[in-house]
Amino acid sequence: MWEPGSSKYKSNIFGLFIALGIFYAVFYIVFILSTVQN
């Protein structure tokens, strides 16, 4: 029922998704702001 390897892998993937999502959102906002300012 409890597999440390599988659980760790899942949380790593989840954290990676969150990090990528935040990075993409920030990049997108900066891109839009710079486009609006020009």
PDB file of N, CA and C in Angstrom:
ATOM      1  N   MET A   1       0.827  -1.203   0.000  1.00  0.00           N
ATOM      2  CA  MET A   1       0.000   0.000   0.000  1.00  0.00           C
ATOM      3  C   MET A   1       0.869   1.263   0.000  1.00  0.00           C
ATOM      4  N   TRP A   2       2.001   1.196   0.711  1.00  0.00           N
ATOM      5  CA  TRP A   2       2.812   2.421   0.804  1.00  0.00           C
ATOM      6  C   TRP A   2       4.162   2.197   0.155  1.00  0.00           C
ATOM      7  N   GLU A   3       4.390   2.849  -0.975  1.00  0.00           N
ATOM      8  CA  GLU A   3       5.645   2.707  -1.712  1.00  0.00           C
ATOM      9  C   GLU A   3       6.385   4.044  -1.717  1.00  0.00           C
ATOM     10  N   PRO A   4       7.463   4.167  -0.960  1.00  0.00           N
ATOM     11  CA  PRO A   4       8.187   5.444  -0.870  1.00  0.00           C
ATOM     12  C   PRO A   4       8.694   5.939  -2.221  1.00  0.00           C
ATOM     13  N   GLY A   5       9.215   5.029  -3.049  1.00  0.00           N
ATOM     14  CA  GLY A   5       9.754   5.447  -4.345  1.00  0.00           C
ATOM     15  C   GLY A   5       8.690   6.066  -5.228  1.00  0.00           C
ATOM     16  N   SER A   6       7.551   5.374  -5.345  1.00  0.00           N
ATOM     17  CA  SER A   6       6.473   5.853  -6.211  1.00  0.00           C
ATOM     18  C   SER A   6       5.922   7.182  -5.705  1.00  0.00           C
ATOM     19  N   SER A   7       5.729   7.269  -4.396  1.00  0.00           N
ATOM     20  CA  SER A   7       5.181   8.497  -3.807  1.00  0.00           C
ATOM     21  C   SER A   7       6.132   9.667  -4.036  1.00  0.00           C
ATOM     22  N   LYS A   8       7.428   9.421  -3.835  1.00  0.00           N
ATOM     23  CA  LYS A   8       8.418  10.480  -4.021  1.00  0.00           C
ATOM     24  C   LYS A   8       8.424  10.936  -5.483  1.00  0.00           C
ATOM     25  N   TYR A   9       8.347   9.988  -6.399  1.00  0.00           N
ATOM     26  CA  TYR A   9       8.346  10.310  -7.825  1.00  0.00           C
ATOM     27  C   TYR A   9       7.147  11.184  -8.171  1.00  0.00           C
ATOM     28  N   LYS A  10       5.975  10.805  -7.621  1.00  0.00           N
ATOM     29  CA  LYS A  10       4.751  11.563  -7.905  1.00  0.00           C
ATOM     30  C   LYS A  10       4.876  12.994  -7.397  1.00  0.00           C
ATOM     31  N   SER A  11       5.370  13.171  -6.177  1.00  0.00           N
ATOM     32  CA  SER A  11       5.480  14.511  -5.606  1.00  0.00           C
ATOM     33  C   SER A  11       6.511  15.329  -6.392  1.00  0.00           C
ATOM     34  N   ASN A  12       7.569  14.670  -6.880  1.00  0.00           N
ATOM     35  CA  ASN A  12       8.568  15.382  -7.680  1.00  0.00           C
ATOM     36  C   ASN A  12       7.943  15.901  -8.970  1.00  0.00           C
ATOM     37  N   ILE A  13       7.147  15.064  -9.636  1.00  0.00           N
ATOM     38  CA  ILE A  13       6.480  15.471 -10.868  1.00  0.00           C
ATOM     39  C   ILE A  13       5.520  16.624 -10.587  1.00  0.00           C
ATOM     40  N   PHE A  14       4.779  16.496  -9.466  1.00  0.00           N
ATOM     41  CA  PHE A  14       3.809  17.535  -9.098  1.00  0.00           C
ATOM     42  C   PHE A  14       4.521  18.864  -8.841  1.00  0.00           C
ATOM     43  N   GLY A  15       5.625  18.812  -8.100  1.00  0.00           N
ATOM     44  CA  GLY A  15       6.379  20.032  -7.806  1.00  0.00           C
ATOM     45  C   GLY A  15       6.939  20.649  -9.079  1.00  0.00           C
ATOM     46  N   LEU A  16       7.395  19.801  -9.997  1.00  0.00           N
ATOM     47  CA  LEU A  16       7.935  20.297 -11.259  1.00  0.00           C
ATOM     48  C   LEU A  16       6.851  21.011 -12.056  1.00  0.00           C
ATOM     49  N   PHE A  17       5.643  20.422 -12.071  1.00  0.00           N
ATOM     50  CA  PHE A  17       4.525  21.041 -12.778  1.00  0.00           C
ATOM     51  C   PHE A  17       4.205  22.414 -12.195  1.00  0.00           C
ATOM     52  N   ILE A  18       4.173  22.501 -10.860  1.00  0.00           N
ATOM     53  CA  ILE A  18       3.863  23.776 -10.200  1.00  0.00           C
ATOM     54  C   ILE A  18       4.937  24.812 -10.525  1.00  0.00           C
ATOM     55  N   ALA A  19       6.205  24.396 -10.460  1.00  0.00           N
ATOM     56  CA  ALA A  19       7.307  25.319 -10.733  1.00  0.00           C
ATOM     57  C   ALA A  19       7.233  25.819 -12.178  1.00  0.00           C
ATOM     58  N   LEU A  20       6.982  24.901 -13.112  1.00  0.00           N
ATOM     59  CA  LEU A  20       6.879  25.294 -14.518  1.00  0.00           C
ATOM     60  C   LEU A  20       5.699  26.230 -14.733  1.00  0.00           C
ATOM     61  N   GLY A  21       4.578  25.923 -14.080  1.00  0.00           N
ATOM     62  CA  GLY A  21       3.384  26.762 -14.213  1.00  0.00           C
ATOM     63  C   GLY A  21       3.637  28.176 -13.725  1.00  0.00           C
ATOM     64  N   ILE A  22       4.278  28.292 -12.559  1.00  0.00           N
ATOM     65  CA  ILE A  22       4.565  29.620 -11.997  1.00  0.00           C
ATOM     66  C   ILE A  22       5.538  30.368 -12.905  1.00  0.00           C
ATOM     67  N   PHE A  23       6.584  29.685 -13.349  1.00  0.00           N
ATOM     68  CA  PHE A  23       7.583  30.307 -14.222  1.00  0.00           C
ATOM     69  C   PHE A  23       6.931  30.804 -15.514  1.00  0.00           C
ATOM     70  N   TYR A  24       6.065  29.965 -16.108  1.00  0.00           N
ATOM     71  CA  TYR A  24       5.396  30.327 -17.354  1.00  0.00           C
ATOM     72  C   TYR A  24       4.464  31.515 -17.146  1.00  0.00           C
ATOM     73  N   ALA A  25       3.735  31.515 -16.014  1.00  0.00           N
ATOM     74  CA  ALA A  25       2.802  32.610 -15.724  1.00  0.00           C
ATOM     75  C   ALA A  25       3.558  33.928 -15.575  1.00  0.00           C
ATOM     76  N   VAL A  26       4.667  33.908 -14.822  1.00  0.00           N
ATOM     77  CA  VAL A  26       5.460  35.128 -14.625  1.00  0.00           C
ATOM     78  C   VAL A  26       6.019  35.611 -15.960  1.00  0.00           C
ATOM     79  N   PHE A  27       6.561  34.699 -16.741  1.00  0.00           N
ATOM     80  CA  PHE A  27       7.121  35.051 -18.043  1.00  0.00           C
ATOM     81  C   PHE A  27       6.052  35.668 -18.943  1.00  0.00           C
ATOM     82  N   TYR A  28       4.846  35.071 -18.919  1.00  0.00           N
ATOM     83  CA  TYR A  28       3.739  35.545 -19.744  1.00  0.00           C
ATOM     84  C   TYR A  28       3.311  36.947 -19.326  1.00  0.00           C
ATOM     85  N   ILE A  29       3.224  37.186 -18.002  1.00  0.00           N
ATOM     86  CA  ILE A  29       2.819  38.506 -17.498  1.00  0.00           C
ATOM     87  C   ILE A  29       3.850  39.559 -17.890  1.00  0.00           C
ATOM     88  N   VAL A  30       5.135  39.234 -17.723  1.00  0.00           N
ATOM     89  CA  VAL A  30       6.196  40.179 -18.086  1.00  0.00           C
ATOM     90  C   VAL A  30       6.141  40.480 -19.576  1.00  0.00           C
ATOM     91  N   PHE A  31       5.914  39.455 -20.379  1.00  0.00           N
ATOM     92  CA  PHE A  31       5.836  39.624 -21.831  1.00  0.00           C
ATOM     93  C   PHE A  31       4.694  40.562 -22.206  1.00  0.00           C
ATOM     94  N   ILE A  32       3.521  40.360 -21.590  1.00  0.00           N
ATOM     95  CA  ILE A  32       2.356  41.205 -21.878  1.00  0.00           C
ATOM     96  C   ILE A  32       2.617  42.637 -21.428  1.00  0.00           C
ATOM     97  N   LEU A  33       3.200  42.794 -20.243  1.00  0.00           N
ATOM     98  CA  LEU A  33       3.469  44.145 -19.726  1.00  0.00           C
ATOM     99  C   LEU A  33       4.432  44.883 -20.651  1.00  0.00           C
ATOM    100  N   SER A  34       5.485  44.228 -21.093  1.00  0.00           N
ATOM    101  CA  SER A  34       6.464  44.881 -21.966  1.00  0.00           C
ATOM    102  C   SER A  34       5.830  45.207 -23.313  1.00  0.00           C
ATOM    103  N   THR A  35       4.914  44.356 -23.772  1.00  0.00           N
ATOM    104  CA  THR A  35       4.238  44.620 -25.042  1.00  0.00           C
ATOM    105  C   THR A  35       3.314  45.817 -24.908  1.00  0.00           C
ATOM    106  N   VAL A  36       2.612  45.910 -23.790  1.00  0.00           N
ATOM    107  CA  VAL A  36       1.678  47.023 -23.577  1.00  0.00           C
ATOM    108  C   VAL A  36       2.430  48.337 -23.446  1.00  0.00           C
ATOM    109  N   GLN A  37       3.574  48.315 -22.776  1.00  0.00           N
ATOM    110  CA  GLN A  37       4.327  49.545 -22.550  1.00  0.00           C
ATOM    111  C   GLN A  37       4.895  50.094 -23.854  1.00  0.00           C
ATOM    112  N   ASN A  38       5.317  49.216 -24.752  1.00  0.00           N
ATOM    113  CA  ASN A  38       5.926  49.701 -25.991  1.00  0.00           C
ATOM    114  C   ASN A  38       4.884  50.316 -26.875  1.00  0.00           C
TER     115      ASN A  38
END
